[in-house]
């Protein structure tokens, strides 16, 4: 099992930036895991944002391409999400997740909270 703890959320104005971090611990970290960021706005379903596999391949949903960057530091067992040019519609609870095996695109598009490991979330609020 993988334990995931998110941090870095907060309140910013539109156009601002935030960097989310996800500290991971547990067995088999990064060996064959795909890791990703998901978000859930009030009253909406949880959706994928970006993911990265062990080889550094990434996938982003269209709404964040060119604005968000996912990366990881294997030495620190930490996953990051750099968010620039934030918009009010980016407001949501952001979750870090990890699952053994899927490709980044499959993870972003098809991940379920019923599978893999998930953090508790960090709130991001963007005001206009």
N, C-alpha and C. Protein backbone atom coordinates (compact mmCIF):
# COMPACT_ATOMS: atom_id res chain seq x y z
N UNK A 1 0.85 -1.19 0.00
CA UNK A 1 0.00 0.00 0.00
C UNK A 1 0.88 1.24 0.00
N UNK A 2 0.39 2.28 -0.64
CA UNK A 2 1.10 3.55 -0.73
C UNK A 2 0.34 4.60 0.06
N UNK A 3 1.05 5.33 0.89
CA UNK A 3 0.44 6.45 1.64
C UNK A 3 0.79 7.74 0.93
N UNK A 4 -0.21 8.58 0.74
CA UNK A 4 -0.05 9.82 -0.01
C UNK A 4 -0.56 11.00 0.80
N UNK A 5 0.23 12.06 0.89
CA UNK A 5 -0.16 13.25 1.64
C UNK A 5 0.07 14.48 0.77
N UNK A 6 -1.03 15.17 0.45
CA UNK A 6 -0.95 16.36 -0.39
C UNK A 6 -0.73 17.61 0.45
N UNK A 7 -0.11 18.61 -0.19
CA UNK A 7 0.06 19.93 0.42
C UNK A 7 0.22 20.96 -0.68
N UNK A 8 0.15 22.22 -0.29
CA UNK A 8 0.41 23.29 -1.25
C UNK A 8 -0.82 24.01 -1.76
N UNK A 9 -2.00 23.55 -1.37
CA UNK A 9 -3.20 24.24 -1.80
C UNK A 9 -3.33 25.60 -1.13
N UNK A 10 -4.29 26.37 -1.60
CA UNK A 10 -4.51 27.69 -1.02
C UNK A 10 -5.46 28.51 -1.87
N UNK A 11 -5.51 29.80 -1.56
CA UNK A 11 -6.37 30.72 -2.29
C UNK A 11 -5.52 31.70 -3.07
N UNK A 12 -5.83 31.83 -4.36
CA UNK A 12 -5.10 32.76 -5.21
C UNK A 12 -6.08 33.47 -6.12
N UNK A 13 -5.63 34.57 -6.69
CA UNK A 13 -6.44 35.26 -7.68
C UNK A 13 -6.20 34.67 -9.06
N UNK A 14 -7.15 34.87 -9.93
CA UNK A 14 -7.01 34.39 -11.30
C UNK A 14 -5.72 34.91 -11.91
N UNK A 15 -5.04 34.02 -12.64
CA UNK A 15 -3.75 34.35 -13.21
C UNK A 15 -2.57 33.98 -12.34
N UNK A 16 -2.85 33.63 -11.10
CA UNK A 16 -1.79 33.27 -10.16
C UNK A 16 -1.31 31.85 -10.34
N UNK A 17 -0.38 31.46 -9.46
CA UNK A 17 0.23 30.13 -9.53
C UNK A 17 0.23 29.47 -8.16
N UNK A 18 0.21 28.15 -8.19
CA UNK A 18 0.39 27.33 -6.99
C UNK A 18 1.16 26.09 -7.39
N UNK A 19 1.88 25.52 -6.45
CA UNK A 19 2.52 24.23 -6.68
C UNK A 19 2.05 23.26 -5.61
N UNK A 20 1.41 22.21 -6.04
CA UNK A 20 0.97 21.16 -5.15
C UNK A 20 2.05 20.11 -5.03
N UNK A 21 2.15 19.54 -3.83
CA UNK A 21 3.09 18.47 -3.58
C UNK A 21 2.34 17.27 -3.03
N UNK A 22 2.88 16.09 -3.30
CA UNK A 22 2.31 14.86 -2.78
C UNK A 22 3.46 13.99 -2.31
N UNK A 23 3.56 13.86 -1.00
CA UNK A 23 4.61 13.03 -0.41
C UNK A 23 4.13 11.60 -0.34
N UNK A 24 4.91 10.70 -0.93
CA UNK A 24 4.52 9.30 -1.01
C UNK A 24 5.42 8.44 -0.14
N UNK A 25 4.84 7.44 0.46
CA UNK A 25 5.62 6.48 1.23
C UNK A 25 4.97 5.11 1.10
N UNK A 26 5.75 4.10 1.34
CA UNK A 26 5.22 2.75 1.22
C UNK A 26 6.06 1.93 0.27
N UNK A 27 5.68 0.73 0.15
CA UNK A 27 6.46 -0.22 -0.63
C UNK A 27 6.25 -0.02 -2.12
N UNK A 28 7.25 -0.26 -2.92
CA UNK A 28 7.17 -0.23 -4.38
C UNK A 28 6.84 1.14 -4.95
N UNK A 29 7.18 2.18 -4.19
CA UNK A 29 6.98 3.51 -4.73
C UNK A 29 7.77 3.66 -6.02
N UNK A 30 7.11 4.14 -7.04
CA UNK A 30 7.70 4.45 -8.32
C UNK A 30 8.19 3.24 -9.12
N UNK A 31 8.11 2.01 -8.61
CA UNK A 31 8.65 0.88 -9.37
C UNK A 31 7.84 0.65 -10.63
N UNK A 32 6.55 0.55 -10.49
CA UNK A 32 5.70 0.38 -11.67
C UNK A 32 4.42 1.19 -11.53
N UNK A 33 4.45 2.15 -10.62
CA UNK A 33 3.25 2.91 -10.37
C UNK A 33 3.10 4.06 -11.34
N UNK A 34 1.87 4.33 -11.68
CA UNK A 34 1.51 5.58 -12.34
C UNK A 34 0.95 6.49 -11.25
N UNK A 35 1.35 7.74 -11.27
CA UNK A 35 0.86 8.67 -10.26
C UNK A 35 0.19 9.84 -10.95
N UNK A 36 -0.81 10.38 -10.28
CA UNK A 36 -1.56 11.45 -10.94
C UNK A 36 -2.25 12.38 -9.98
N UNK A 37 -2.79 13.43 -10.56
CA UNK A 37 -3.58 14.41 -9.84
C UNK A 37 -5.01 14.41 -10.38
N UNK A 38 -5.94 14.49 -9.46
CA UNK A 38 -7.36 14.52 -9.78
C UNK A 38 -7.98 15.68 -9.02
N UNK A 39 -9.14 16.14 -9.45
CA UNK A 39 -9.79 17.23 -8.74
C UNK A 39 -11.30 17.04 -8.72
N UNK A 40 -11.91 17.58 -7.68
CA UNK A 40 -13.35 17.48 -7.53
C UNK A 40 -13.88 18.83 -7.06
N UNK A 41 -14.67 19.44 -7.92
CA UNK A 41 -15.32 20.70 -7.58
C UNK A 41 -16.62 20.41 -6.84
N UNK A 42 -17.10 21.36 -6.05
CA UNK A 42 -18.35 21.14 -5.31
C UNK A 42 -19.50 20.74 -6.24
N UNK A 43 -20.17 19.66 -5.89
CA UNK A 43 -21.31 19.21 -6.66
C UNK A 43 -20.98 18.50 -7.95
N UNK A 44 -19.70 18.25 -8.19
CA UNK A 44 -19.29 17.59 -9.43
C UNK A 44 -18.51 16.31 -9.13
N UNK A 45 -18.35 15.50 -10.15
CA UNK A 45 -17.59 14.27 -10.01
C UNK A 45 -16.09 14.55 -9.97
N UNK A 46 -15.36 13.63 -9.38
CA UNK A 46 -13.91 13.70 -9.39
C UNK A 46 -13.41 13.38 -10.80
N UNK A 47 -12.50 14.20 -11.32
CA UNK A 47 -11.98 14.00 -12.67
C UNK A 47 -10.46 14.06 -12.66
N UNK A 48 -9.87 13.42 -13.65
CA UNK A 48 -8.43 13.42 -13.76
C UNK A 48 -7.91 14.73 -14.31
N UNK A 49 -6.68 15.07 -13.91
CA UNK A 49 -6.04 16.29 -14.36
C UNK A 49 -4.76 15.97 -15.14
N UNK A 50 -3.88 15.20 -14.52
CA UNK A 50 -2.60 14.87 -15.14
C UNK A 50 -2.03 13.64 -14.46
N UNK A 51 -1.19 12.92 -15.19
CA UNK A 51 -0.54 11.74 -14.64
C UNK A 51 0.83 11.56 -15.25
N UNK A 52 1.67 10.79 -14.53
CA UNK A 52 3.03 10.54 -14.98
C UNK A 52 3.41 9.12 -14.62
N UNK A 53 4.08 8.43 -15.52
CA UNK A 53 4.48 7.05 -15.22
C UNK A 53 5.94 6.99 -14.81
N UNK A 54 6.42 5.80 -14.60
CA UNK A 54 7.77 5.63 -14.09
C UNK A 54 8.84 6.05 -15.09
N UNK A 55 8.48 6.08 -16.36
CA UNK A 55 9.43 6.51 -17.40
C UNK A 55 9.36 8.00 -17.67
N UNK A 56 8.50 8.69 -16.96
CA UNK A 56 8.36 10.13 -17.16
C UNK A 56 7.37 10.53 -18.23
N UNK A 57 6.66 9.56 -18.78
CA UNK A 57 5.61 9.89 -19.75
C UNK A 57 4.46 10.56 -19.02
N UNK A 58 3.89 11.57 -19.65
CA UNK A 58 2.82 12.33 -19.00
C UNK A 58 1.57 12.40 -19.87
N UNK A 59 0.48 12.73 -19.22
CA UNK A 59 -0.79 12.96 -19.91
C UNK A 59 -1.53 14.06 -19.17
N UNK A 60 -2.11 14.98 -19.92
CA UNK A 60 -2.89 16.07 -19.34
C UNK A 60 -4.26 16.14 -20.00
N UNK A 61 -5.24 16.52 -19.23
CA UNK A 61 -6.52 16.80 -19.86
C UNK A 61 -6.40 18.15 -20.59
N UNK A 62 -7.24 18.32 -21.60
CA UNK A 62 -7.12 19.50 -22.45
C UNK A 62 -7.24 20.81 -21.68
N UNK A 63 -8.07 20.82 -20.65
CA UNK A 63 -8.35 22.08 -19.95
C UNK A 63 -7.14 22.63 -19.19
N UNK A 64 -6.12 21.80 -18.97
CA UNK A 64 -4.95 22.27 -18.22
C UNK A 64 -3.67 22.26 -19.05
N UNK A 65 -3.74 21.77 -20.26
CA UNK A 65 -2.54 21.73 -21.10
C UNK A 65 -1.97 23.13 -21.29
N UNK A 66 -0.65 23.22 -21.16
CA UNK A 66 0.01 24.51 -21.31
C UNK A 66 0.01 25.36 -20.06
N UNK A 67 -0.78 24.97 -19.06
CA UNK A 67 -0.84 25.73 -17.80
C UNK A 67 -0.30 24.93 -16.62
N UNK A 68 -0.55 23.63 -16.61
CA UNK A 68 -0.13 22.78 -15.50
C UNK A 68 1.01 21.88 -15.94
N UNK A 69 1.90 21.57 -15.01
CA UNK A 69 3.00 20.67 -15.29
C UNK A 69 3.13 19.67 -14.14
N UNK A 70 3.08 18.38 -14.48
CA UNK A 70 3.26 17.33 -13.48
C UNK A 70 4.71 16.86 -13.53
N UNK A 71 5.26 16.60 -12.35
CA UNK A 71 6.63 16.11 -12.28
C UNK A 71 6.80 15.33 -10.99
N UNK A 72 7.92 14.64 -10.89
CA UNK A 72 8.18 13.93 -9.65
C UNK A 72 9.67 13.91 -9.36
N UNK A 73 9.97 13.87 -8.09
CA UNK A 73 11.35 13.79 -7.61
C UNK A 73 11.50 12.44 -6.92
N UNK A 74 12.13 11.51 -7.62
CA UNK A 74 12.24 10.16 -7.07
C UNK A 74 13.05 10.13 -5.77
N UNK A 75 14.06 10.98 -5.68
CA UNK A 75 14.89 11.00 -4.48
C UNK A 75 14.09 11.42 -3.25
N UNK A 76 13.10 12.28 -3.47
CA UNK A 76 12.28 12.77 -2.36
C UNK A 76 10.94 12.05 -2.26
N UNK A 77 10.71 11.10 -3.16
CA UNK A 77 9.41 10.40 -3.18
C UNK A 77 8.25 11.38 -3.20
N UNK A 78 8.36 12.38 -4.04
CA UNK A 78 7.36 13.43 -4.07
C UNK A 78 6.89 13.70 -5.49
N UNK A 79 5.59 13.84 -5.62
CA UNK A 79 4.95 14.20 -6.87
C UNK A 79 4.53 15.67 -6.78
N UNK A 80 4.64 16.39 -7.90
CA UNK A 80 4.30 17.80 -7.92
C UNK A 80 3.30 18.10 -9.01
N UNK A 81 2.58 19.20 -8.82
CA UNK A 81 1.75 19.76 -9.87
C UNK A 81 1.94 21.27 -9.84
N UNK A 82 2.66 21.79 -10.81
CA UNK A 82 2.83 23.23 -10.94
C UNK A 82 1.66 23.77 -11.73
N UNK A 83 0.93 24.69 -11.13
CA UNK A 83 -0.27 25.24 -11.76
C UNK A 83 -0.07 26.72 -11.99
N UNK A 84 -0.05 27.11 -13.25
CA UNK A 84 0.11 28.51 -13.62
C UNK A 84 -1.15 29.01 -14.32
N UNK A 85 -1.27 30.32 -14.43
CA UNK A 85 -2.41 30.93 -15.12
C UNK A 85 -3.73 30.35 -14.61
N UNK A 86 -3.85 30.28 -13.31
CA UNK A 86 -5.03 29.66 -12.72
C UNK A 86 -6.29 30.44 -13.04
N UNK A 87 -7.38 29.67 -13.19
CA UNK A 87 -8.68 30.23 -13.53
C UNK A 87 -9.68 29.87 -12.42
N UNK A 88 -10.75 30.64 -12.28
CA UNK A 88 -11.76 30.28 -11.26
C UNK A 88 -12.28 28.85 -11.43
N UNK A 89 -12.37 28.38 -12.67
CA UNK A 89 -12.86 27.01 -12.89
C UNK A 89 -11.89 25.94 -12.45
N UNK A 90 -10.68 26.32 -12.05
CA UNK A 90 -9.74 25.36 -11.48
C UNK A 90 -10.01 25.12 -9.99
N UNK A 91 -10.92 25.89 -9.42
CA UNK A 91 -11.25 25.72 -8.00
C UNK A 91 -11.80 24.33 -7.74
N UNK A 92 -11.17 23.62 -6.80
CA UNK A 92 -11.56 22.25 -6.50
C UNK A 92 -10.69 21.71 -5.38
N UNK A 93 -11.09 20.56 -4.87
CA UNK A 93 -10.21 19.78 -4.00
C UNK A 93 -9.34 18.93 -4.92
N UNK A 94 -8.04 18.99 -4.72
CA UNK A 94 -7.10 18.26 -5.56
C UNK A 94 -6.57 17.04 -4.79
N UNK A 95 -6.62 15.90 -5.47
CA UNK A 95 -6.19 14.64 -4.87
C UNK A 95 -5.00 14.06 -5.64
N UNK A 96 -4.09 13.49 -4.90
CA UNK A 96 -2.99 12.73 -5.47
C UNK A 96 -3.38 11.25 -5.41
N UNK A 97 -3.00 10.50 -6.42
CA UNK A 97 -3.33 9.08 -6.46
C UNK A 97 -2.22 8.30 -7.12
N UNK A 98 -2.17 7.02 -6.81
CA UNK A 98 -1.18 6.13 -7.41
C UNK A 98 -1.81 4.78 -7.66
N UNK A 99 -1.45 4.18 -8.77
CA UNK A 99 -1.97 2.85 -9.08
C UNK A 99 -0.92 2.09 -9.87
N UNK A 100 -0.82 0.82 -9.61
CA UNK A 100 0.17 -0.03 -10.26
C UNK A 100 -0.30 -0.40 -11.65
N UNK A 101 0.44 0.05 -12.65
CA UNK A 101 0.22 -0.49 -13.98
C UNK A 101 -0.38 0.35 -15.08
N UNK A 102 -1.33 1.27 -14.81
CA UNK A 102 -1.99 1.92 -15.95
C UNK A 102 -1.07 2.90 -16.65
N UNK A 103 -1.38 3.19 -17.90
CA UNK A 103 -0.69 4.25 -18.60
C UNK A 103 -1.19 5.59 -18.06
N UNK A 104 -0.43 6.65 -18.26
CA UNK A 104 -0.91 7.95 -17.78
C UNK A 104 -2.28 8.33 -18.34
N UNK A 105 -2.52 8.07 -19.61
CA UNK A 105 -3.82 8.45 -20.18
C UNK A 105 -4.94 7.62 -19.56
N UNK A 106 -4.72 6.32 -19.42
CA UNK A 106 -5.74 5.48 -18.79
C UNK A 106 -6.00 5.91 -17.36
N UNK A 107 -4.94 6.27 -16.64
CA UNK A 107 -5.10 6.66 -15.26
C UNK A 107 -5.93 7.94 -15.15
N UNK A 108 -5.62 8.93 -15.97
CA UNK A 108 -6.36 10.19 -15.92
C UNK A 108 -7.82 9.99 -16.31
N UNK A 109 -8.03 9.21 -17.34
CA UNK A 109 -9.38 9.10 -17.92
C UNK A 109 -10.27 8.08 -17.21
N UNK A 110 -9.67 7.07 -16.57
CA UNK A 110 -10.48 5.96 -16.07
C UNK A 110 -10.27 5.59 -14.61
N UNK A 111 -9.42 6.31 -13.89
CA UNK A 111 -9.15 5.95 -12.50
C UNK A 111 -10.41 6.06 -11.66
N UNK A 112 -10.48 5.21 -10.67
CA UNK A 112 -11.62 5.20 -9.75
C UNK A 112 -11.10 5.25 -8.31
N UNK A 113 -11.78 6.01 -7.44
CA UNK A 113 -11.38 6.00 -6.02
C UNK A 113 -11.46 4.62 -5.38
N UNK A 114 -12.13 3.67 -6.06
CA UNK A 114 -12.24 2.31 -5.53
C UNK A 114 -10.99 1.49 -5.76
N UNK A 115 -10.08 2.01 -6.58
CA UNK A 115 -8.86 1.27 -6.88
C UNK A 115 -7.66 2.18 -6.64
N UNK A 116 -6.50 1.58 -6.39
CA UNK A 116 -5.29 2.35 -6.17
C UNK A 116 -5.28 2.99 -4.79
N UNK A 117 -4.35 3.93 -4.62
CA UNK A 117 -4.19 4.63 -3.36
C UNK A 117 -4.42 6.12 -3.56
N UNK A 118 -5.08 6.74 -2.60
CA UNK A 118 -5.48 8.14 -2.74
C UNK A 118 -5.13 8.91 -1.49
N UNK A 119 -4.77 10.18 -1.67
CA UNK A 119 -4.56 11.06 -0.53
C UNK A 119 -5.86 11.68 -0.08
N UNK A 120 -5.77 12.53 0.93
CA UNK A 120 -6.96 13.15 1.51
C UNK A 120 -7.36 14.44 0.81
N UNK A 121 -6.47 14.98 -0.01
CA UNK A 121 -6.82 16.16 -0.78
C UNK A 121 -6.29 17.45 -0.21
N UNK A 122 -6.14 18.44 -1.08
CA UNK A 122 -5.76 19.80 -0.69
C UNK A 122 -6.61 20.76 -1.51
N UNK A 123 -7.16 21.77 -0.85
CA UNK A 123 -8.11 22.67 -1.49
C UNK A 123 -7.39 23.77 -2.27
N UNK A 124 -7.86 23.99 -3.48
CA UNK A 124 -7.38 25.11 -4.31
C UNK A 124 -8.58 26.00 -4.63
N UNK A 125 -8.47 27.27 -4.32
CA UNK A 125 -9.53 28.22 -4.59
C UNK A 125 -8.97 29.39 -5.40
N UNK A 126 -9.58 29.63 -6.55
CA UNK A 126 -9.14 30.69 -7.44
C UNK A 126 -10.26 31.72 -7.56
N UNK A 127 -9.97 32.94 -7.18
CA UNK A 127 -10.98 33.99 -7.23
C UNK A 127 -10.77 34.87 -8.46
N UNK A 128 -11.87 35.40 -8.96
CA UNK A 128 -11.80 36.23 -10.18
C UNK A 128 -11.51 37.68 -9.84
